Amino acid sequence: MLQIAKIACTNNAAFVMNFSIRWLDHDGIWHISEWNSGNYAINQTRTSPDLISIYVPSYARAITPYVHAILGKHGAGAPFVSYSANNQVAVYEVKGTTLDFSVNLIQ
């Protein structure tokens, strides 16, 4: 599993979107960060702050962006990543339409 400190999402989809961070605890329960990227359009990228600073715990078993298509559905990125204080950024690409999109790790 890729170890990272931040997550970025590049919007290559046909809609305005935003994302939060979704993480899995030791009990198998998914949580969503209160932090949100704010809405942004196609051909733009937004990057989260260091995940620890937005209260994603370092012990999280899996971490992924959780994308919300404005006037559409929500979806999680794949594959999952884990936290490390290494200043690395996982970059996910969002493609598709409001009701049918993918969120895939590209870097």
PDB file of N, CA and C in Angstrom:
ATOM      1  N   MET A   1       0.858  -1.169   0.000  1.00  0.00           N
ATOM      2  CA  MET A   1       0.000   0.000   0.000  1.00  0.00           C
ATOM      3  C   MET A   1       0.906   1.235   0.000  1.00  0.00           C
ATOM      4  N   LEU A   2       0.609   2.165  -0.884  1.00  0.00           N
ATOM      5  CA  LEU A   2       1.370   3.405  -0.991  1.00  0.00           C
ATOM      6  C   LEU A   2       1.236   4.205   0.300  1.00  0.00           C
ATOM      7  N   GLN A   3       2.357   4.716   0.819  1.00  0.00           N
ATOM      8  CA  GLN A   3       2.349   5.530   2.032  1.00  0.00           C
ATOM      9  C   GLN A   3       2.508   6.995   1.656  1.00  0.00           C
ATOM     10  N   ILE A   4       1.584   7.813   2.144  1.00  0.00           N
ATOM     11  CA  ILE A   4       1.514   9.222   1.745  1.00  0.00           C
ATOM     12  C   ILE A   4       1.178  10.107   2.929  1.00  0.00           C
ATOM     13  N   ALA A   5       1.322  11.418   2.752  1.00  0.00           N
ATOM     14  CA  ALA A   5       0.934  12.386   3.781  1.00  0.00           C
ATOM     15  C   ALA A   5      -0.237  13.267   3.338  1.00  0.00           C
ATOM     16  N   LYS A   6      -0.446  13.369   2.011  1.00  0.00           N
ATOM     17  CA  LYS A   6      -1.508  14.223   1.455  1.00  0.00           C
ATOM     18  C   LYS A   6      -2.172  13.500   0.294  1.00  0.00           C
ATOM     19  N   ILE A   7      -3.381  13.955  -0.048  1.00  0.00           N
ATOM     20  CA  ILE A   7      -4.107  13.406  -1.202  1.00  0.00           C
ATOM     21  C   ILE A   7      -4.533  14.551  -2.103  1.00  0.00           C
ATOM     22  N   ALA A   8      -4.324  14.373  -3.411  1.00  0.00           N
ATOM     23  CA  ALA A   8      -4.766  15.334  -4.418  1.00  0.00           C
ATOM     24  C   ALA A   8      -5.752  14.649  -5.354  1.00  0.00           C
ATOM     25  N   CYS A   9      -6.710  15.413  -5.853  1.00  0.00           N
ATOM     26  CA  CYS A   9      -7.648  14.913  -6.865  1.00  0.00           C
ATOM     27  C   CYS A   9      -7.653  15.867  -8.044  1.00  0.00           C
ATOM     28  N   THR A  10      -7.391  15.309  -9.210  1.00  0.00           N
ATOM     29  CA  THR A  10      -7.447  16.061 -10.458  1.00  0.00           C
ATOM     30  C   THR A  10      -8.807  15.811 -11.097  1.00  0.00           C
ATOM     31  N   ASN A  11      -9.528  16.884 -11.389  1.00  0.00           N
ATOM     32  CA  ASN A  11     -10.862  16.781 -11.964  1.00  0.00           C
ATOM     33  C   ASN A  11     -10.762  16.746 -13.487  1.00  0.00           C
ATOM     34  N   ASN A  12     -10.844  15.547 -14.049  1.00  0.00           N
ATOM     35  CA  ASN A  12     -10.914  15.373 -15.503  1.00  0.00           C
ATOM     36  C   ASN A  12     -12.290  14.829 -15.881  1.00  0.00           C
ATOM     37  N   ALA A  13     -13.282  15.223 -15.114  1.00  0.00           N
ATOM     38  CA  ALA A  13     -14.652  14.758 -15.313  1.00  0.00           C
ATOM     39  C   ALA A  13     -15.523  15.892 -15.846  1.00  0.00           C
ATOM     40  N   ALA A  14     -16.711  15.540 -16.258  1.00  0.00           N
ATOM     41  CA  ALA A  14     -17.630  16.512 -16.859  1.00  0.00           C
ATOM     42  C   ALA A  14     -18.566  17.113 -15.825  1.00  0.00           C
ATOM     43  N   PHE A  15     -18.023  17.511 -14.674  1.00  0.00           N
ATOM     44  CA  PHE A  15     -18.851  18.100 -13.628  1.00  0.00           C
ATOM     45  C   PHE A  15     -17.991  18.857 -12.618  1.00  0.00           C
ATOM     46  N   VAL A  16     -18.647  19.671 -11.825  1.00  0.00           N
ATOM     47  CA  VAL A  16     -18.002  20.330 -10.693  1.00  0.00           C
ATOM     48  C   VAL A  16     -18.001  19.340  -9.541  1.00  0.00           C
ATOM     49  N   MET A  17     -16.919  19.301  -8.764  1.00  0.00           N
ATOM     50  CA  MET A  17     -16.784  18.314  -7.697  1.00  0.00           C
ATOM     51  C   MET A  17     -16.098  18.906  -6.478  1.00  0.00           C
ATOM     52  N   ASN A  18     -16.124  18.150  -5.406  1.00  0.00           N
ATOM     53  CA  ASN A  18     -15.295  18.414  -4.235  1.00  0.00           C
ATOM     54  C   ASN A  18     -14.942  17.065  -3.634  1.00  0.00           C
ATOM     55  N   PHE A  19     -13.993  17.055  -2.707  1.00  0.00           N
ATOM     56  CA  PHE A  19     -13.674  15.793  -2.039  1.00  0.00           C
ATOM     57  C   PHE A  19     -13.309  16.007  -0.582  1.00  0.00           C
ATOM     58  N   SER A  20     -13.548  14.948   0.175  1.00  0.00           N
ATOM     59  CA  SER A  20     -13.126  14.840   1.569  1.00  0.00           C
ATOM     60  C   SER A  20     -12.211  13.628   1.651  1.00  0.00           C
ATOM     61  N   ILE A  21     -11.771  13.302   2.848  1.00  0.00           N
ATOM     62  CA  ILE A  21     -10.927  12.134   3.049  1.00  0.00           C
ATOM     63  C   ILE A  21     -11.717  11.092   3.831  1.00  0.00           C
ATOM     64  N   ARG A  22     -11.705   9.874   3.319  1.00  0.00           N
ATOM     65  CA  ARG A  22     -12.396   8.753   3.962  1.00  0.00           C
ATOM     66  C   ARG A  22     -11.336   7.816   4.527  1.00  0.00           C
ATOM     67  N   TRP A  23     -11.521   7.356   5.762  1.00  0.00           N
ATOM     68  CA  TRP A  23     -10.532   6.464   6.370  1.00  0.00           C
ATOM     69  C   TRP A  23     -11.190   5.372   7.204  1.00  0.00           C
ATOM     70  N   LEU A  24     -10.495   4.233   7.291  1.00  0.00           N
ATOM     71  CA  LEU A  24     -10.988   3.034   7.962  1.00  0.00           C
ATOM     72  C   LEU A  24     -10.267   2.846   9.289  1.00  0.00           C
ATOM     73  N   ASP A  25     -11.037   2.688  10.387  1.00  0.00           N
ATOM     74  CA  ASP A  25     -10.408   2.491  11.695  1.00  0.00           C
ATOM     75  C   ASP A  25     -10.177   0.999  11.971  1.00  0.00           C
ATOM     76  N   HIS A  26      -9.614   0.688  13.147  1.00  0.00           N
ATOM     77  CA  HIS A  26      -9.290  -0.700  13.505  1.00  0.00           C
ATOM     78  C   HIS A  26     -10.523  -1.563  13.712  1.00  0.00           C
ATOM     79  N   ASP A  27     -11.677  -0.952  13.919  1.00  0.00           N
ATOM     80  CA  ASP A  27     -12.912  -1.711  14.102  1.00  0.00           C
ATOM     81  C   ASP A  27     -13.648  -1.949  12.788  1.00  0.00           C
ATOM     82  N   GLY A  28     -13.057  -1.519  11.671  1.00  0.00           N
ATOM     83  CA  GLY A  28     -13.687  -1.705  10.372  1.00  0.00           C
ATOM     84  C   GLY A  28     -14.761  -0.682  10.056  1.00  0.00           C
ATOM     85  N   ILE A  29     -14.723   0.461  10.731  1.00  0.00           N
ATOM     86  CA  ILE A  29     -15.713   1.516  10.515  1.00  0.00           C
ATOM     87  C   ILE A  29     -15.097   2.621   9.679  1.00  0.00           C
ATOM     88  N   TRP A  30     -15.798   3.025   8.627  1.00  0.00           N
ATOM     89  CA  TRP A  30     -15.341   4.123   7.771  1.00  0.00           C
ATOM     90  C   TRP A  30     -15.750   5.465   8.364  1.00  0.00           C
ATOM     91  N   HIS A  31     -14.862   6.442   8.262  1.00  0.00           N
ATOM     92  CA  HIS A  31     -15.113   7.807   8.723  1.00  0.00           C
ATOM     93  C   HIS A  31     -14.821   8.764   7.574  1.00  0.00           C
ATOM     94  N   ILE A  32     -15.445   9.941   7.591  1.00  0.00           N
ATOM     95  CA  ILE A  32     -15.191  10.966   6.576  1.00  0.00           C
ATOM     96  C   ILE A  32     -14.745  12.229   7.294  1.00  0.00           C
ATOM     97  N   SER A  33     -13.663  12.814   6.812  1.00  0.00           N
ATOM     98  CA  SER A  33     -13.109  14.023   7.440  1.00  0.00           C
ATOM     99  C   SER A  33     -14.085  15.186   7.357  1.00  0.00           C
ATOM    100  N   GLU A  34     -13.969  16.089   8.304  1.00  0.00           N
ATOM    101  CA  GLU A  34     -14.731  17.330   8.226  1.00  0.00           C
ATOM    102  C   GLU A  34     -14.127  18.256   7.178  1.00  0.00           C
ATOM    103  N   TRP A  35     -12.831  18.093   6.912  1.00  0.00           N
ATOM    104  CA  TRP A  35     -12.168  18.902   5.885  1.00  0.00           C
ATOM    105  C   TRP A  35     -12.771  18.570   4.516  1.00  0.00           C
ATOM    106  N   ASN A  36     -12.906  19.599   3.681  1.00  0.00           N
ATOM    107  CA  ASN A  36     -13.409  19.424   2.328  1.00  0.00           C
ATOM    108  C   ASN A  36     -12.652  20.369   1.412  1.00  0.00           C
ATOM    109  N   SER A  37     -12.404  19.926   0.202  1.00  0.00           N
ATOM    110  CA  SER A  37     -11.623  20.703  -0.769  1.00  0.00           C
ATOM    111  C   SER A  37     -12.324  21.958  -1.254  1.00  0.00           C
ATOM    112  N   GLY A  38     -13.647  22.014  -1.138  1.00  0.00           N
ATOM    113  CA  GLY A  38     -14.422  23.070  -1.776  1.00  0.00           C
ATOM    114  C   GLY A  38     -14.670  22.688  -3.226  1.00  0.00           C
ATOM    115  N   ASN A  39     -15.679  23.260  -3.839  1.00  0.00           N
ATOM    116  CA  ASN A  39     -16.054  22.913  -5.215  1.00  0.00           C
ATOM    117  C   ASN A  39     -15.018  23.419  -6.207  1.00  0.00           C
ATOM    118  N   TYR A  40     -14.743  22.588  -7.236  1.00  0.00           N
ATOM    119  CA  TYR A  40     -13.872  23.024  -8.321  1.00  0.00           C
ATOM    120  C   TYR A  40     -14.221  22.307  -9.618  1.00  0.00           C
ATOM    121  N   ALA A  41     -13.909  22.969 -10.725  1.00  0.00           N
ATOM    122  CA  ALA A  41     -14.327  22.525 -12.058  1.00  0.00           C
ATOM    123  C   ALA A  41     -13.263  21.655 -12.730  1.00  0.00           C
ATOM    124  N   ILE A  42     -13.589  21.239 -13.946  1.00  0.00           N
ATOM    125  CA  ILE A  42     -12.717  20.401 -14.760  1.00  0.00           C
ATOM    126  C   ILE A  42     -11.356  21.074 -14.984  1.00  0.00           C
ATOM    127  N   ASN A  43     -10.337  20.236 -15.163  1.00  0.00           N
ATOM    128  CA  ASN A  43      -8.951  20.654 -15.420  1.00  0.00           C
ATOM    129  C   ASN A  43      -8.319  21.397 -14.254  1.00  0.00           C
ATOM    130  N   GLN A  44      -8.796  21.126 -13.041  1.00  0.00           N
ATOM    131  CA  GLN A  44      -8.196  21.690 -11.836  1.00  0.00           C
ATOM    132  C   GLN A  44      -7.844  20.563 -10.877  1.00  0.00           C
ATOM    133  N   THR A  45      -6.870  20.820 -10.018  1.00  0.00           N
ATOM    134  CA  THR A  45      -6.451  19.869  -8.989  1.00  0.00           C
ATOM    135  C   THR A  45      -6.455  20.572  -7.646  1.00  0.00           C
ATOM    136  N   ARG A  46      -6.912  19.879  -6.631  1.00  0.00           N
ATOM    137  CA  ARG A  46      -6.827  20.383  -5.259  1.00  0.00           C
ATOM    138  C   ARG A  46      -6.107  19.333  -4.420  1.00  0.00           C
ATOM    139  N   THR A  47      -5.356  19.795  -3.422  1.00  0.00           N
ATOM    140  CA  THR A  47      -4.581  18.907  -2.556  1.00  0.00           C
ATOM    141  C   THR A  47      -4.975  19.147  -1.105  1.00  0.00           C
ATOM    142  N   SER A  48      -5.118  18.068  -0.370  1.00  0.00           N
ATOM    143  CA  SER A  48      -5.446  18.165   1.053  1.00  0.00           C
ATOM    144  C   SER A  48      -4.240  18.661   1.838  1.00  0.00           C
ATOM    145  N   PRO A  49      -4.476  19.188   3.025  1.00  0.00           N
ATOM    146  CA  PRO A  49      -3.364  19.426   3.947  1.00  0.00           C
ATOM    147  C   PRO A  49      -2.814  18.060   4.396  1.00  0.00           C
ATOM    148  N   ASP A  50      -1.730  18.077   5.154  1.00  0.00           N
ATOM    149  CA  ASP A  50      -1.237  16.836   5.753  1.00  0.00           C
ATOM    150  C   ASP A  50      -2.409  16.193   6.500  1.00  0.00           C
ATOM    151  N   LEU A  51      -2.602  14.900   6.278  1.00  0.00           N
ATOM    152  CA  LEU A  51      -3.783  14.221   6.802  1.00  0.00           C
ATOM    153  C   LEU A  51      -3.872  14.266   8.330  1.00  0.00           C
ATOM    154  N   ILE A  52      -2.752  14.239   9.010  1.00  0.00           N
ATOM    155  CA  ILE A  52      -2.768  14.325  10.476  1.00  0.00           C
ATOM    156  C   ILE A  52      -3.368  15.660  10.918  1.00  0.00           C
ATOM    157  N   SER A  53      -3.076  16.727  10.177  1.00  0.00           N
ATOM    158  CA  SER A  53      -3.572  18.057  10.563  1.00  0.00           C
ATOM    159  C   SER A  53      -5.082  18.196  10.395  1.00  0.00           C
ATOM    160  N   ILE A  54      -5.710  17.279   9.644  1.00  0.00           N
ATOM    161  CA  ILE A  54      -7.174  17.312   9.491  1.00  0.00           C
ATOM    162  C   ILE A  54      -7.816  16.120  10.215  1.00  0.00           C
ATOM    163  N   TYR A  55      -7.078  15.581  11.183  1.00  0.00           N
ATOM    164  CA  TYR A  55      -7.578  14.569  12.112  1.00  0.00           C
ATOM    165  C   TYR A  55      -7.835  13.198  11.503  1.00  0.00           C
ATOM    166  N   VAL A  56      -7.096  12.863  10.446  1.00  0.00           N
ATOM    167  CA  VAL A  56      -7.082  11.478   9.969  1.00  0.00           C
ATOM    168  C   VAL A  56      -5.964  10.809  10.764  1.00  0.00           C
ATOM    169  N   PRO A  57      -6.259   9.787  11.551  1.00  0.00           N
ATOM    170  CA  PRO A  57      -5.234   9.218  12.423  1.00  0.00           C
ATOM    171  C   PRO A  57      -4.164   8.444  11.653  1.00  0.00           C
ATOM    172  N   SER A  58      -2.949   8.481  12.165  1.00  0.00           N
ATOM    173  CA  SER A  58      -1.836   7.783  11.511  1.00  0.00           C
ATOM    174  C   SER A  58      -2.060   6.279  11.498  1.00  0.00           C
ATOM    175  N   TYR A  59      -2.884   5.761  12.411  1.00  0.00           N
ATOM    176  CA  TYR A  59      -3.136   4.315  12.486  1.00  0.00           C
ATOM    177  C   TYR A  59      -4.255   3.856  11.539  1.00  0.00           C
ATOM    178  N   ALA A  60      -4.836   4.752  10.746  1.00  0.00           N
ATOM    179  CA  ALA A  60      -5.922   4.368   9.837  1.00  0.00           C
ATOM    180  C   ALA A  60      -5.479   3.197   8.969  1.00  0.00           C
ATOM    181  N   ARG A  61      -6.331   2.205   8.835  1.00  0.00           N
ATOM    182  CA  ARG A  61      -5.993   0.994   8.069  1.00  0.00           C
ATOM    183  C   ARG A  61      -6.026   1.226   6.568  1.00  0.00           C
ATOM    184  N   ALA A  62      -6.864   2.156   6.119  1.00  0.00           N
ATOM    185  CA  ALA A  62      -6.975   2.488   4.701  1.00  0.00           C
ATOM    186  C   ALA A  62      -7.471   3.929   4.603  1.00  0.00           C
ATOM    187  N   ILE A  63      -6.983   4.636   3.597  1.00  0.00           N
ATOM    188  CA  ILE A  63      -7.341   6.038   3.379  1.00  0.00           C
ATOM    189  C   ILE A  63      -7.616   6.225   1.894  1.00  0.00           C
ATOM    190  N   THR A  64      -8.626   7.035   1.576  1.00  0.00           N
ATOM    191  CA  THR A  64      -8.971   7.287   0.180  1.00  0.00           C
ATOM    192  C   THR A  64      -9.708   8.630   0.058  1.00  0.00           C
ATOM    193  N   PRO A  65      -9.638   9.273  -1.108  1.00  0.00           N
ATOM    194  CA  PRO A  65     -10.485  10.450  -1.292  1.00  0.00           C
ATOM    195  C   PRO A  65     -11.936  10.004  -1.445  1.00  0.00           C
ATOM    196  N   TYR A  66     -12.843  10.852  -0.991  1.00  0.00           N
ATOM    197  CA  TYR A  66     -14.273  10.587  -1.128  1.00  0.00           C
ATOM    198  C   TYR A  66     -14.856  11.746  -1.926  1.00  0.00           C
ATOM    199  N   VAL A  67     -15.137  11.497  -3.209  1.00  0.00           N
ATOM    200  CA  VAL A  67     -15.519  12.530  -4.164  1.00  0.00           C
ATOM    201  C   VAL A  67     -17.036  12.691  -4.229  1.00  0.00           C
ATOM    202  N   HIS A  68     -17.462  13.945  -4.271  1.00  0.00           N
ATOM    203  CA  HIS A  68     -18.876  14.276  -4.433  1.00  0.00           C
ATOM    204  C   HIS A  68     -19.038  15.052  -5.733  1.00  0.00           C
ATOM    205  N   ALA A  69     -19.770  14.469  -6.673  1.00  0.00           N
ATOM    206  CA  ALA A  69     -20.115  15.174  -7.907  1.00  0.00           C
ATOM    207  C   ALA A  69     -21.304  16.069  -7.599  1.00  0.00           C
ATOM    208  N   ILE A  70     -21.170  17.362  -7.844  1.00  0.00           N
ATOM    209  CA  ILE A  70     -22.283  18.274  -7.598  1.00  0.00           C
ATOM    210  C   ILE A  70     -23.440  17.861  -8.514  1.00  0.00           C
ATOM    211  N   LEU A  71     -24.618  17.710  -7.935  1.00  0.00           N
ATOM    212  CA  LEU A  71     -25.819  17.210  -8.620  1.00  0.00           C
ATOM    213  C   LEU A  71     -25.646  15.768  -9.093  1.00  0.00           C
ATOM    214  N   GLY A  72     -24.823  14.998  -8.377  1.00  0.00           N
ATOM    215  CA  GLY A  72     -24.589  13.609  -8.750  1.00  0.00           C
ATOM    216  C   GLY A  72     -24.320  12.747  -7.543  1.00  0.00           C
ATOM    217  N   LYS A  73     -23.539  11.705  -7.744  1.00  0.00           N
ATOM    218  CA  LYS A  73     -23.300  10.736  -6.687  1.00  0.00           C
ATOM    219  C   LYS A  73     -21.979  10.976  -5.968  1.00  0.00           C
ATOM    220  N   HIS A  74     -21.703  10.140  -4.981  1.00  0.00           N
ATOM    221  CA  HIS A  74     -20.453  10.138  -4.241  1.00  0.00           C
ATOM    222  C   HIS A  74     -19.675   8.882  -4.631  1.00  0.00           C
ATOM    223  N   GLY A  75     -18.352   8.936  -4.491  1.00  0.00           N
ATOM    224  CA  GLY A  75     -17.559   7.750  -4.768  1.00  0.00           C
ATOM    225  C   GLY A  75     -16.186   7.826  -4.143  1.00  0.00           C
ATOM    226  N   ALA A  76     -15.674   6.675  -3.734  1.00  0.00           N
ATOM    227  CA  ALA A  76     -14.357   6.582  -3.112  1.00  0.00           C
ATOM    228  C   ALA A  76     -13.303   6.215  -4.142  1.00  0.00           C
ATOM    229  N   GLY A  77     -12.084   6.628  -3.876  1.00  0.00           N
ATOM    230  CA  GLY A  77     -10.964   6.327  -4.762  1.00  0.00           C
ATOM    231  C   GLY A  77     -10.428   4.921  -4.569  1.00  0.00           C
ATOM    232  N   ALA A  78      -9.688   4.447  -5.565  1.00  0.00           N
ATOM    233  CA  ALA A  78      -9.050   3.138  -5.506  1.00  0.00           C
ATOM    234  C   ALA A  78      -7.690   3.215  -6.202  1.00  0.00           C
ATOM    235  N   PRO A  79      -6.719   2.518  -5.719  1.00  0.00           N
ATOM    236  CA  PRO A  79      -6.701   1.745  -4.484  1.00  0.00           C
ATOM    237  C   PRO A  79      -6.528   2.651  -3.270  1.00  0.00           C
ATOM    238  N   PHE A  80      -6.648   2.035  -2.089  1.00  0.00           N
ATOM    239  CA  PHE A  80      -6.459   2.766  -0.843  1.00  0.00           C
ATOM    240  C   PHE A  80      -4.978   3.040  -0.615  1.00  0.00           C
ATOM    241  N   VAL A  81      -4.695   4.023   0.246  1.00  0.00           N
ATOM    242  CA  VAL A  81      -3.329   4.348   0.647  1.00  0.00           C
ATOM    243  C   VAL A  81      -3.272   4.341   2.175  1.00  0.00           C
ATOM    244  N   SER A  82      -2.052   4.484   2.717  1.00  0.00           N
ATOM    245  CA  SER A  82      -1.892   4.592   4.166  1.00  0.00           C
ATOM    246  C   SER A  82      -1.045   5.816   4.477  1.00  0.00           C
ATOM    247  N   TYR A  83      -1.066   6.225   5.745  1.00  0.00           N
ATOM    248  CA  TYR A  83      -0.379   7.452   6.144  1.00  0.00           C
ATOM    249  C   TYR A  83       1.076   7.199   6.519  1.00  0.00           C
ATOM    250  N   SER A  84       1.913   8.149   6.117  1.00  0.00           N
ATOM    251  CA  SER A  84       3.294   8.229   6.573  1.00  0.00           C
ATOM    252  C   SER A  84       3.677   9.700   6.561  1.00  0.00           C
ATOM    253  N   ALA A  85       4.450  10.122   7.536  1.00  0.00           N
ATOM    254  CA  ALA A  85       4.876  11.523   7.621  1.00  0.00           C
ATOM    255  C   ALA A  85       6.042  11.767   6.668  1.00  0.00           C
ATOM    256  N   ASN A  86       5.834  11.486   5.390  1.00  0.00           N
ATOM    257  CA  ASN A  86       6.904  11.547   4.397  1.00  0.00           C
ATOM    258  C   ASN A  86       6.730  12.664   3.369  1.00  0.00           C
ATOM    259  N   ASN A  87       5.703  13.467   3.511  1.00  0.00           N
ATOM    260  CA  ASN A  87       5.398  14.579   2.609  1.00  0.00           C
ATOM    261  C   ASN A  87       5.045  14.145   1.180  1.00  0.00           C
ATOM    262  N   GLN A  88       4.785  12.851   0.953  1.00  0.00           N
ATOM    263  CA  GLN A  88       4.389  12.355  -0.360  1.00  0.00           C
ATOM    264  C   GLN A  88       2.897  12.631  -0.592  1.00  0.00           C
ATOM    265  N   VAL A  89       2.545  12.811  -1.864  1.00  0.00           N
ATOM    266  CA  VAL A  89       1.163  13.094  -2.252  1.00  0.00           C
ATOM    267  C   VAL A  89       0.658  11.982  -3.165  1.00  0.00           C
ATOM    268  N   ALA A  90      -0.486  11.403  -2.820  1.00  0.00           N
ATOM    269  CA  ALA A  90      -1.165  10.465  -3.705  1.00  0.00           C
ATOM    270  C   ALA A  90      -2.069  11.290  -4.609  1.00  0.00           C
ATOM    271  N   VAL A  91      -1.925  11.118  -5.924  1.00  0.00           N
ATOM    272  CA  VAL A  91      -2.741  11.871  -6.874  1.00  0.00           C
ATOM    273  C   VAL A  91      -3.763  10.924  -7.502  1.00  0.00           C
ATOM    274  N   TYR A  92      -5.024  11.280  -7.358  1.00  0.00           N
ATOM    275  CA  TYR A  92      -6.124  10.522  -7.944  1.00  0.00           C
ATOM    276  C   TYR A  92      -6.717  11.333  -9.090  1.00  0.00           C
ATOM    277  N   GLU A  93      -7.164  10.617 -10.132  1.00  0.00           N
ATOM    278  CA  GLU A  93      -7.813  11.256 -11.273  1.00  0.00           C
ATOM    279  C   GLU A  93      -9.295  10.891 -11.274  1.00  0.00           C
ATOM    280  N   VAL A  94     -10.130  11.905 -11.424  1.00  0.00           N
ATOM    281  CA  VAL A  94     -11.584  11.708 -11.482  1.00  0.00           C
ATOM    282  C   VAL A  94     -12.009  11.858 -12.934  1.00  0.00           C
ATOM    283  N   LYS A  95     -12.710  10.835 -13.456  1.00  0.00           N
ATOM    284  CA  LYS A  95     -13.189  10.834 -14.845  1.00  0.00           C
ATOM    285  C   LYS A  95     -14.628  10.366 -14.877  1.00  0.00           C
ATOM    286  N   GLY A  96     -15.389  10.880 -15.861  1.00  0.00           N
ATOM    287  CA  GLY A  96     -16.746  10.401 -16.063  1.00  0.00           C
ATOM    288  C   GLY A  96     -17.782  11.497 -15.981  1.00  0.00           C
ATOM    289  N   THR A  97     -19.000  11.080 -15.632  1.00  0.00           N
ATOM    290  CA  THR A  97     -20.132  12.002 -15.523  1.00  0.00           C
ATOM    291  C   THR A  97     -20.679  11.946 -14.098  1.00  0.00           C
ATOM    292  N   THR A  98     -21.609  12.831 -13.780  1.00  0.00           N
ATOM    293  CA  THR A  98     -22.112  12.945 -12.403  1.00  0.00           C
ATOM    294  C   THR A  98     -22.662  11.637 -11.842  1.00  0.00           C
ATOM    295  N   LEU A  99     -23.217  10.798 -12.686  1.00  0.00           N
ATOM    296  CA  LEU A  99     -23.822   9.560 -12.213  1.00  0.00           C
ATOM    297  C   LEU A  99     -22.987   8.319 -12.493  1.00  0.00           C
ATOM    298  N   ASP A 100     -21.858   8.482 -13.176  1.00  0.00           N
ATOM    299  CA  ASP A 100     -20.999   7.343 -13.502  1.00  0.00           C
ATOM    300  C   ASP A 100     -19.552   7.825 -13.626  1.00  0.00           C
ATOM    301  N   PHE A 101     -18.832   7.829 -12.516  1.00  0.00           N
ATOM    302  CA  PHE A 101     -17.447   8.307 -12.555  1.00  0.00           C
ATOM    303  C   PHE A 101     -16.511   7.373 -11.796  1.00  0.00           C
ATOM    304  N   SER A 102     -15.234   7.520 -12.066  1.00  0.00           N
ATOM    305  CA  SER A 102     -14.199   6.746 -11.392  1.00  0.00           C
ATOM    306  C   SER A 102     -13.219   7.691 -10.703  1.00  0.00           C
ATOM    307  N   VAL A 103     -12.580   7.191  -9.657  1.00  0.00           N
ATOM    308  CA  VAL A 103     -11.571   7.928  -8.901  1.00  0.00           C
ATOM    309  C   VAL A 103     -10.387   6.979  -8.737  1.00  0.00           C
ATOM    310  N   ASN A 104      -9.372   7.124  -9.600  1.00  0.00           N
ATOM    311  CA  ASN A 104      -8.283   6.175  -9.635  1.00  0.00           C
ATOM    312  C   ASN A 104      -6.924   6.824  -9.329  1.00  0.00           C
ATOM    313  N   LEU A 105      -6.125   6.112  -8.547  1.00  0.00           N
ATOM    314  CA  LEU A 105      -4.781   6.548  -8.221  1.00  0.00           C
ATOM    315  C   LEU A 105      -3.925   6.544  -9.483  1.00  0.00           C
ATOM    316  N   ILE A 106      -3.282   7.661  -9.776  1.00  0.00           N
ATOM    317  CA  ILE A 106      -2.415   7.741 -10.953  1.00  0.00           C
ATOM    318  C   ILE A 106      -0.961   8.010 -10.582  1.00  0.00           C
ATOM    319  N   GLN A 107      -0.708   8.410  -9.329  1.00  0.00           N
ATOM    320  CA  GLN A 107       0.655   8.720  -8.928  1.00  0.00           C
ATOM    321  C   GLN A 107       0.794   8.643  -7.436  1.00  0.00           C
TER     322      GLN A 107
END
